[in-house]
Amino acid sequence: MAANIIAVGAVNEALQIASVKSLEEAVLNHIPKGTEELNIKAMRLGAELVKSNPEKKTKKGEEKKAHA
């Protein structure tokens, strides 16, 4: 069930739409009580997946490749 929150974290990391604090607050305001820890971990996982990707996109959609 946390796949959508993983995606939220990944998209935010890639596009830098909101601060981490703002995104965490938004997630916490829209999830069922009792799932806070799971969903915050999922959001952070999504962000980490983007950070660890060697090929990143700029805000203009241009691809940046990691130097080998």
PDB file of N, CA and C in Angstrom:
ATOM      1  N   MET A   1       0.804  -1.204   0.000  1.00  0.00           N
ATOM      2  CA  MET A   1       0.000   0.000   0.000  1.00  0.00           C
ATOM      3  C   MET A   1       0.846   1.267   0.000  1.00  0.00           C
ATOM      4  N   ALA A   2       2.114   1.183   0.303  1.00  0.00           N
ATOM      5  CA  ALA A   2       2.957   2.374   0.387  1.00  0.00           C
ATOM      6  C   ALA A   2       3.581   2.749  -0.947  1.00  0.00           C
ATOM      7  N   ALA A   3       3.286   2.007  -2.006  1.00  0.00           N
ATOM      8  CA  ALA A   3       3.906   2.291  -3.301  1.00  0.00           C
ATOM      9  C   ALA A   3       3.615   3.710  -3.771  1.00  0.00           C
ATOM     10  N   ASN A   4       2.411   4.200  -3.527  1.00  0.00           N
ATOM     11  CA  ASN A   4       2.093   5.558  -3.954  1.00  0.00           C
ATOM     12  C   ASN A   4       2.915   6.593  -3.182  1.00  0.00           C
ATOM     13  N   ILE A   5       3.224   6.325  -1.938  1.00  0.00           N
ATOM     14  CA  ILE A   5       4.013   7.267  -1.144  1.00  0.00           C
ATOM     15  C   ILE A   5       5.487   7.187  -1.541  1.00  0.00           C
ATOM     16  N   ILE A   6       5.952   6.009  -1.936  1.00  0.00           N
ATOM     17  CA  ILE A   6       7.305   5.892  -2.490  1.00  0.00           C
ATOM     18  C   ILE A   6       7.394   6.778  -3.728  1.00  0.00           C
ATOM     19  N   ALA A   7       6.372   6.720  -4.569  1.00  0.00           N
ATOM     20  CA  ALA A   7       6.347   7.539  -5.788  1.00  0.00           C
ATOM     21  C   ALA A   7       6.327   9.028  -5.449  1.00  0.00           C
ATOM     22  N   VAL A   8       5.588   9.410  -4.422  1.00  0.00           N
ATOM     23  CA  VAL A   8       5.534  10.816  -4.005  1.00  0.00           C
ATOM     24  C   VAL A   8       6.940  11.294  -3.624  1.00  0.00           C
ATOM     25  N   GLY A   9       7.640  10.501  -2.834  1.00  0.00           N
ATOM     26  CA  GLY A   9       9.001  10.861  -2.434  1.00  0.00           C
ATOM     27  C   GLY A   9       9.945  10.943  -3.613  1.00  0.00           C
ATOM     28  N   ALA A  10       9.805  10.011  -4.552  1.00  0.00           N
ATOM     29  CA  ALA A  10      10.680   9.992  -5.724  1.00  0.00           C
ATOM     30  C   ALA A  10      10.421  11.194  -6.630  1.00  0.00           C
ATOM     31  N   VAL A  11       9.167  11.471  -6.895  1.00  0.00           N
ATOM     32  CA  VAL A  11       8.827  12.604  -7.766  1.00  0.00           C
ATOM     33  C   VAL A  11       9.285  13.915  -7.128  1.00  0.00           C
ATOM     34  N   ASN A  12       9.059  14.048  -5.836  1.00  0.00           N
ATOM     35  CA  ASN A  12       9.486  15.274  -5.178  1.00  0.00           C
ATOM     36  C   ASN A  12      10.999  15.429  -5.219  1.00  0.00           C
ATOM     37  N   GLU A  13      11.730  14.365  -5.025  1.00  0.00           N
ATOM     38  CA  GLU A  13      13.188  14.448  -5.069  1.00  0.00           C
ATOM     39  C   GLU A  13      13.661  14.824  -6.472  1.00  0.00           C
ATOM     40  N   ALA A  14      13.041  14.246  -7.478  1.00  0.00           N
ATOM     41  CA  ALA A  14      13.445  14.528  -8.858  1.00  0.00           C
ATOM     42  C   ALA A  14      13.117  15.955  -9.277  1.00  0.00           C
ATOM     43  N   LEU A  15      11.973  16.453  -8.849  1.00  0.00           N
ATOM     44  CA  LEU A  15      11.515  17.768  -9.308  1.00  0.00           C
ATOM     45  C   LEU A  15      11.695  18.884  -8.286  1.00  0.00           C
ATOM     46  N   GLN A  16      12.043  18.517  -7.052  1.00  0.00           N
ATOM     47  CA  GLN A  16      12.235  19.495  -5.982  1.00  0.00           C
ATOM     48  C   GLN A  16      11.029  20.432  -5.856  1.00  0.00           C
ATOM     49  N   ILE A  17       9.852  19.848  -5.715  1.00  0.00           N
ATOM     50  CA  ILE A  17       8.607  20.602  -5.644  1.00  0.00           C
ATOM     51  C   ILE A  17       8.412  21.232  -4.263  1.00  0.00           C
ATOM     52  N   ALA A  18       8.687  20.475  -3.224  1.00  0.00           N
ATOM     53  CA  ALA A  18       8.440  20.951  -1.858  1.00  0.00           C
ATOM     54  C   ALA A  18       9.621  20.578  -0.971  1.00  0.00           C
ATOM     55  N   SER A  19       9.731  21.258   0.153  1.00  0.00           N
ATOM     56  CA  SER A  19      10.761  20.890   1.122  1.00  0.00           C
ATOM     57  C   SER A  19      10.394  19.536   1.730  1.00  0.00           C
ATOM     58  N   VAL A  20      11.376  18.860   2.269  1.00  0.00           N
ATOM     59  CA  VAL A  20      11.122  17.569   2.902  1.00  0.00           C
ATOM     60  C   VAL A  20      10.129  17.735   4.046  1.00  0.00           C
ATOM     61  N   LYS A  21      10.290  18.775   4.844  1.00  0.00           N
ATOM     62  CA  LYS A  21       9.395  19.018   5.967  1.00  0.00           C
ATOM     63  C   LYS A  21       7.955  19.218   5.483  1.00  0.00           C
ATOM     64  N   SER A  22       7.767  20.024   4.453  1.00  0.00           N
ATOM     65  CA  SER A  22       6.419  20.264   3.915  1.00  0.00           C
ATOM     66  C   SER A  22       5.808  18.988   3.370  1.00  0.00           C
ATOM     67  N   LEU A  23       6.620  18.200   2.678  1.00  0.00           N
ATOM     68  CA  LEU A  23       6.118  16.958   2.107  1.00  0.00           C
ATOM     69  C   LEU A  23       5.731  15.979   3.210  1.00  0.00           C
ATOM     70  N   GLU A  24       6.560  15.867   4.242  1.00  0.00           N
ATOM     71  CA  GLU A  24       6.227  14.986   5.365  1.00  0.00           C
ATOM     72  C   GLU A  24       4.911  15.407   6.010  1.00  0.00           C
ATOM     73  N   GLU A  25       4.728  16.704   6.212  1.00  0.00           N
ATOM     74  CA  GLU A  25       3.485  17.201   6.810  1.00  0.00           C
ATOM     75  C   GLU A  25       2.285  16.855   5.929  1.00  0.00           C
ATOM     76  N   ALA A  26       2.434  17.029   4.622  1.00  0.00           N
ATOM     77  CA  ALA A  26       1.339  16.721   3.702  1.00  0.00           C
ATOM     78  C   ALA A  26       1.007  15.234   3.731  1.00  0.00           C
ATOM     79  N   VAL A  27       2.028  14.401   3.730  1.00  0.00           N
ATOM     80  CA  VAL A  27       1.800  12.955   3.776  1.00  0.00           C
ATOM     81  C   VAL A  27       1.089  12.592   5.076  1.00  0.00           C
ATOM     82  N   LEU A  28       1.570  13.115   6.182  1.00  0.00           N
ATOM     83  CA  LEU A  28       0.966  12.792   7.480  1.00  0.00           C
ATOM     84  C   LEU A  28      -0.491  13.248   7.573  1.00  0.00           C
ATOM     85  N   ASN A  29      -0.837  14.289   6.857  1.00  0.00           N
ATOM     86  CA  ASN A  29      -2.217  14.785   6.868  1.00  0.00           C
ATOM     87  C   ASN A  29      -3.153  13.986   5.966  1.00  0.00           C
ATOM     88  N   HIS A  30      -2.609  13.078   5.156  1.00  0.00           N
ATOM     89  CA  HIS A  30      -3.442  12.366   4.182  1.00  0.00           C
ATOM     90  C   HIS A  30      -3.354  10.844   4.261  1.00  0.00           C
ATOM     91  N   ILE A  31      -2.839  10.334   5.347  1.00  0.00           N
ATOM     92  CA  ILE A  31      -2.724   8.881   5.493  1.00  0.00           C
ATOM     93  C   ILE A  31      -3.536   8.422   6.702  1.00  0.00           C
ATOM     94  N   PRO A  32      -3.897   7.150   6.733  1.00  0.00           N
ATOM     95  CA  PRO A  32      -4.640   6.636   7.892  1.00  0.00           C
ATOM     96  C   PRO A  32      -3.786   6.657   9.166  1.00  0.00           C
ATOM     97  N   LYS A  33      -4.424   6.953  10.273  1.00  0.00           N
ATOM     98  CA  LYS A  33      -3.739   6.918  11.568  1.00  0.00           C
ATOM     99  C   LYS A  33      -3.173   5.512  11.788  1.00  0.00           C
ATOM    100  N   GLY A  34      -2.008   5.462  12.368  1.00  0.00           N
ATOM    101  CA  GLY A  34      -1.361   4.184  12.621  1.00  0.00           C
ATOM    102  C   GLY A  34      -0.393   3.761  11.525  1.00  0.00           C
ATOM    103  N   THR A  35      -0.374   4.505  10.410  1.00  0.00           N
ATOM    104  CA  THR A  35       0.531   4.156   9.306  1.00  0.00           C
ATOM    105  C   THR A  35       1.609   5.221   9.100  1.00  0.00           C
ATOM    106  N   GLU A  36       1.734   6.127  10.050  1.00  0.00           N
ATOM    107  CA  GLU A  36       2.662   7.248   9.897  1.00  0.00           C
ATOM    108  C   GLU A  36       4.103   6.796   9.661  1.00  0.00           C
ATOM    109  N   GLU A  37       4.599   5.920  10.507  1.00  0.00           N
ATOM    110  CA  GLU A  37       5.999   5.487  10.389  1.00  0.00           C
ATOM    111  C   GLU A  37       6.253   4.793   9.052  1.00  0.00           C
ATOM    112  N   LEU A  38       5.365   3.898   8.673  1.00  0.00           N
ATOM    113  CA  LEU A  38       5.508   3.177   7.400  1.00  0.00           C
ATOM    114  C   LEU A  38       5.540   4.146   6.225  1.00  0.00           C
ATOM    115  N   ASN A  39       4.647   5.098   6.216  1.00  0.00           N
ATOM    116  CA  ASN A  39       4.554   6.006   5.080  1.00  0.00           C
ATOM    117  C   ASN A  39       5.700   7.009   5.015  1.00  0.00           C
ATOM    118  N   ILE A  40       6.181   7.478   6.138  1.00  0.00           N
ATOM    119  CA  ILE A  40       7.341   8.375   6.127  1.00  0.00           C
ATOM    120  C   ILE A  40       8.571   7.612   5.645  1.00  0.00           C
ATOM    121  N   LYS A  41       8.725   6.372   6.076  1.00  0.00           N
ATOM    122  CA  LYS A  41       9.833   5.547   5.574  1.00  0.00           C
ATOM    123  C   LYS A  41       9.706   5.347   4.071  1.00  0.00           C
ATOM    124  N   ALA A  42       8.488   5.119   3.592  1.00  0.00           N
ATOM    125  CA  ALA A  42       8.259   4.924   2.157  1.00  0.00           C
ATOM    126  C   ALA A  42       8.613   6.185   1.378  1.00  0.00           C
ATOM    127  N   MET A  43       8.214   7.337   1.881  1.00  0.00           N
ATOM    128  CA  MET A  43       8.525   8.603   1.223  1.00  0.00           C
ATOM    129  C   MET A  43      10.041   8.810   1.138  1.00  0.00           C
ATOM    130  N   ARG A  44      10.727   8.535   2.228  1.00  0.00           N
ATOM    131  CA  ARG A  44      12.192   8.688   2.247  1.00  0.00           C
ATOM    132  C   ARG A  44      12.864   7.683   1.320  1.00  0.00           C
ATOM    133  N   LEU A  45      12.324   6.469   1.228  1.00  0.00           N
ATOM    134  CA  LEU A  45      12.861   5.466   0.313  1.00  0.00           C
ATOM    135  C   LEU A  45      12.755   5.959  -1.124  1.00  0.00           C
ATOM    136  N   GLY A  46      11.619   6.505  -1.498  1.00  0.00           N
ATOM    137  CA  GLY A  46      11.450   7.034  -2.845  1.00  0.00           C
ATOM    138  C   GLY A  46      12.479   8.108  -3.161  1.00  0.00           C
ATOM    139  N   ALA A  47      12.711   9.002  -2.215  1.00  0.00           N
ATOM    140  CA  ALA A  47      13.713  10.050  -2.410  1.00  0.00           C
ATOM    141  C   ALA A  47      15.104   9.453  -2.559  1.00  0.00           C
ATOM    142  N   GLU A  48      15.424   8.467  -1.732  1.00  0.00           N
ATOM    143  CA  GLU A  48      16.745   7.830  -1.802  1.00  0.00           C
ATOM    144  C   GLU A  48      16.951   7.095  -3.127  1.00  0.00           C
ATOM    145  N   LEU A  49      15.904   6.495  -3.652  1.00  0.00           N
ATOM    146  CA  LEU A  49      16.026   5.808  -4.943  1.00  0.00           C
ATOM    147  C   LEU A  49      16.414   6.778  -6.044  1.00  0.00           C
ATOM    148  N   VAL A  50      15.858   7.964  -6.009  1.00  0.00           N
ATOM    149  CA  VAL A  50      16.216   8.974  -7.014  1.00  0.00           C
ATOM    150  C   VAL A  50      17.641   9.472  -6.772  1.00  0.00           C
ATOM    151  N   LYS A  51      17.990   9.724  -5.515  1.00  0.00           N
ATOM    152  CA  LYS A  51      19.338  10.201  -5.204  1.00  0.00           C
ATOM    153  C   LYS A  51      20.408   9.209  -5.630  1.00  0.00           C
ATOM    154  N   SER A  52      20.110   7.926  -5.523  1.00  0.00           N
ATOM    155  CA  SER A  52      21.107   6.902  -5.834  1.00  0.00           C
ATOM    156  C   SER A  52      21.158   6.550  -7.315  1.00  0.00           C
ATOM    157  N   ASN A  53      20.261   7.104  -8.116  1.00  0.00           N
ATOM    158  CA  ASN A  53      20.233   6.829  -9.547  1.00  0.00           C
ATOM    159  C   ASN A  53      21.364   7.598 -10.225  1.00  0.00           C
ATOM    160  N   PRO A  54      22.251   6.919 -10.976  1.00  0.00           N
ATOM    161  CA  PRO A  54      23.375   7.610 -11.615  1.00  0.00           C
ATOM    162  C   PRO A  54      22.954   8.544 -12.749  1.00  0.00           C
ATOM    163  N   GLU A  55      21.775   8.373 -13.293  1.00  0.00           N
ATOM    164  CA  GLU A  55      21.285   9.268 -14.341  1.00  0.00           C
ATOM    165  C   GLU A  55      20.152  10.093 -13.762  1.00  0.00           C
ATOM    166  N   LYS A  56      20.352  11.401 -13.736  1.00  0.00           N
ATOM    167  CA  LYS A  56      19.338  12.287 -13.187  1.00  0.00           C
ATOM    168  C   LYS A  56      18.876  13.241 -14.263  1.00  0.00           C
ATOM    169  N   LYS A  57      17.700  13.759 -14.082  1.00  0.00           N
ATOM    170  CA  LYS A  57      17.152  14.736 -15.010  1.00  0.00           C
ATOM    171  C   LYS A  57      17.192  16.107 -14.354  1.00  0.00           C
ATOM    172  N   THR A  58      17.442  17.125 -15.159  1.00  0.00           N
ATOM    173  CA  THR A  58      17.388  18.480 -14.649  1.00  0.00           C
ATOM    174  C   THR A  58      15.940  18.928 -14.631  1.00  0.00           C
ATOM    175  N   LYS A  59      15.681  20.087 -14.088  1.00  0.00           N
ATOM    176  CA  LYS A  59      14.317  20.596 -14.047  1.00  0.00           C
ATOM    177  C   LYS A  59      13.761  20.832 -15.440  1.00  0.00           C
ATOM    178  N   LYS A  60      14.625  21.055 -16.422  1.00  0.00           N
ATOM    179  CA  LYS A  60      14.171  21.273 -17.791  1.00  0.00           C
ATOM    180  C   LYS A  60      14.001  19.950 -18.535  1.00  0.00           C
ATOM    181  N   GLY A  61      14.255  18.839 -17.880  1.00  0.00           N
ATOM    182  CA  GLY A  61      14.071  17.529 -18.496  1.00  0.00           C
ATOM    183  C   GLY A  61      15.276  17.048 -19.276  1.00  0.00           C
ATOM    184  N   GLU A  62      16.386  17.785 -19.218  1.00  0.00           N
ATOM    185  CA  GLU A  62      17.591  17.351 -19.905  1.00  0.00           C
ATOM    186  C   GLU A  62      18.280  16.279 -19.080  1.00  0.00           C
ATOM    187  N   GLU A  63      18.744  15.256 -19.750  1.00  0.00           N
ATOM    188  CA  GLU A  63      19.371  14.152 -19.032  1.00  0.00           C
ATOM    189  C   GLU A  63      20.809  14.472 -18.690  1.00  0.00           C
ATOM    190  N   LYS A  64      21.192  14.171 -17.466  1.00  0.00           N
ATOM    191  CA  LYS A  64      22.576  14.287 -17.035  1.00  0.00           C
ATOM    192  C   LYS A  64      23.076  12.884 -16.758  1.00  0.00           C
ATOM    193  N   LYS A  65      24.128  12.491 -17.393  1.00  0.00           N
ATOM    194  CA  LYS A  65      24.677  11.148 -17.180  1.00  0.00           C
ATOM    195  C   LYS A  65      25.875  11.223 -16.244  1.00  0.00           C
ATOM    196  N   ALA A  66      25.953  10.229 -15.414  1.00  0.00           N
ATOM    197  CA  ALA A  66      27.088  10.148 -14.484  1.00  0.00           C
ATOM    198  C   ALA A  66      28.344   9.810 -15.268  1.00  0.00           C
ATOM    199  N   HIS A  67      29.451  10.372 -14.845  1.00  0.00           N
ATOM    200  CA  HIS A  67      30.720  10.073 -15.485  1.00  0.00           C
ATOM    201  C   HIS A  67      31.226   8.730 -14.988  1.00  0.00           C
ATOM    202  N   ALA A  68      31.617   7.894 -15.914  1.00  0.00           N
ATOM    203  CA  ALA A  68      32.082   6.561 -15.546  1.00  0.00           C
ATOM    204  C   ALA A  68      33.542   6.567 -15.190  1.00  0.00           C
TER     205      ALA A  68
END
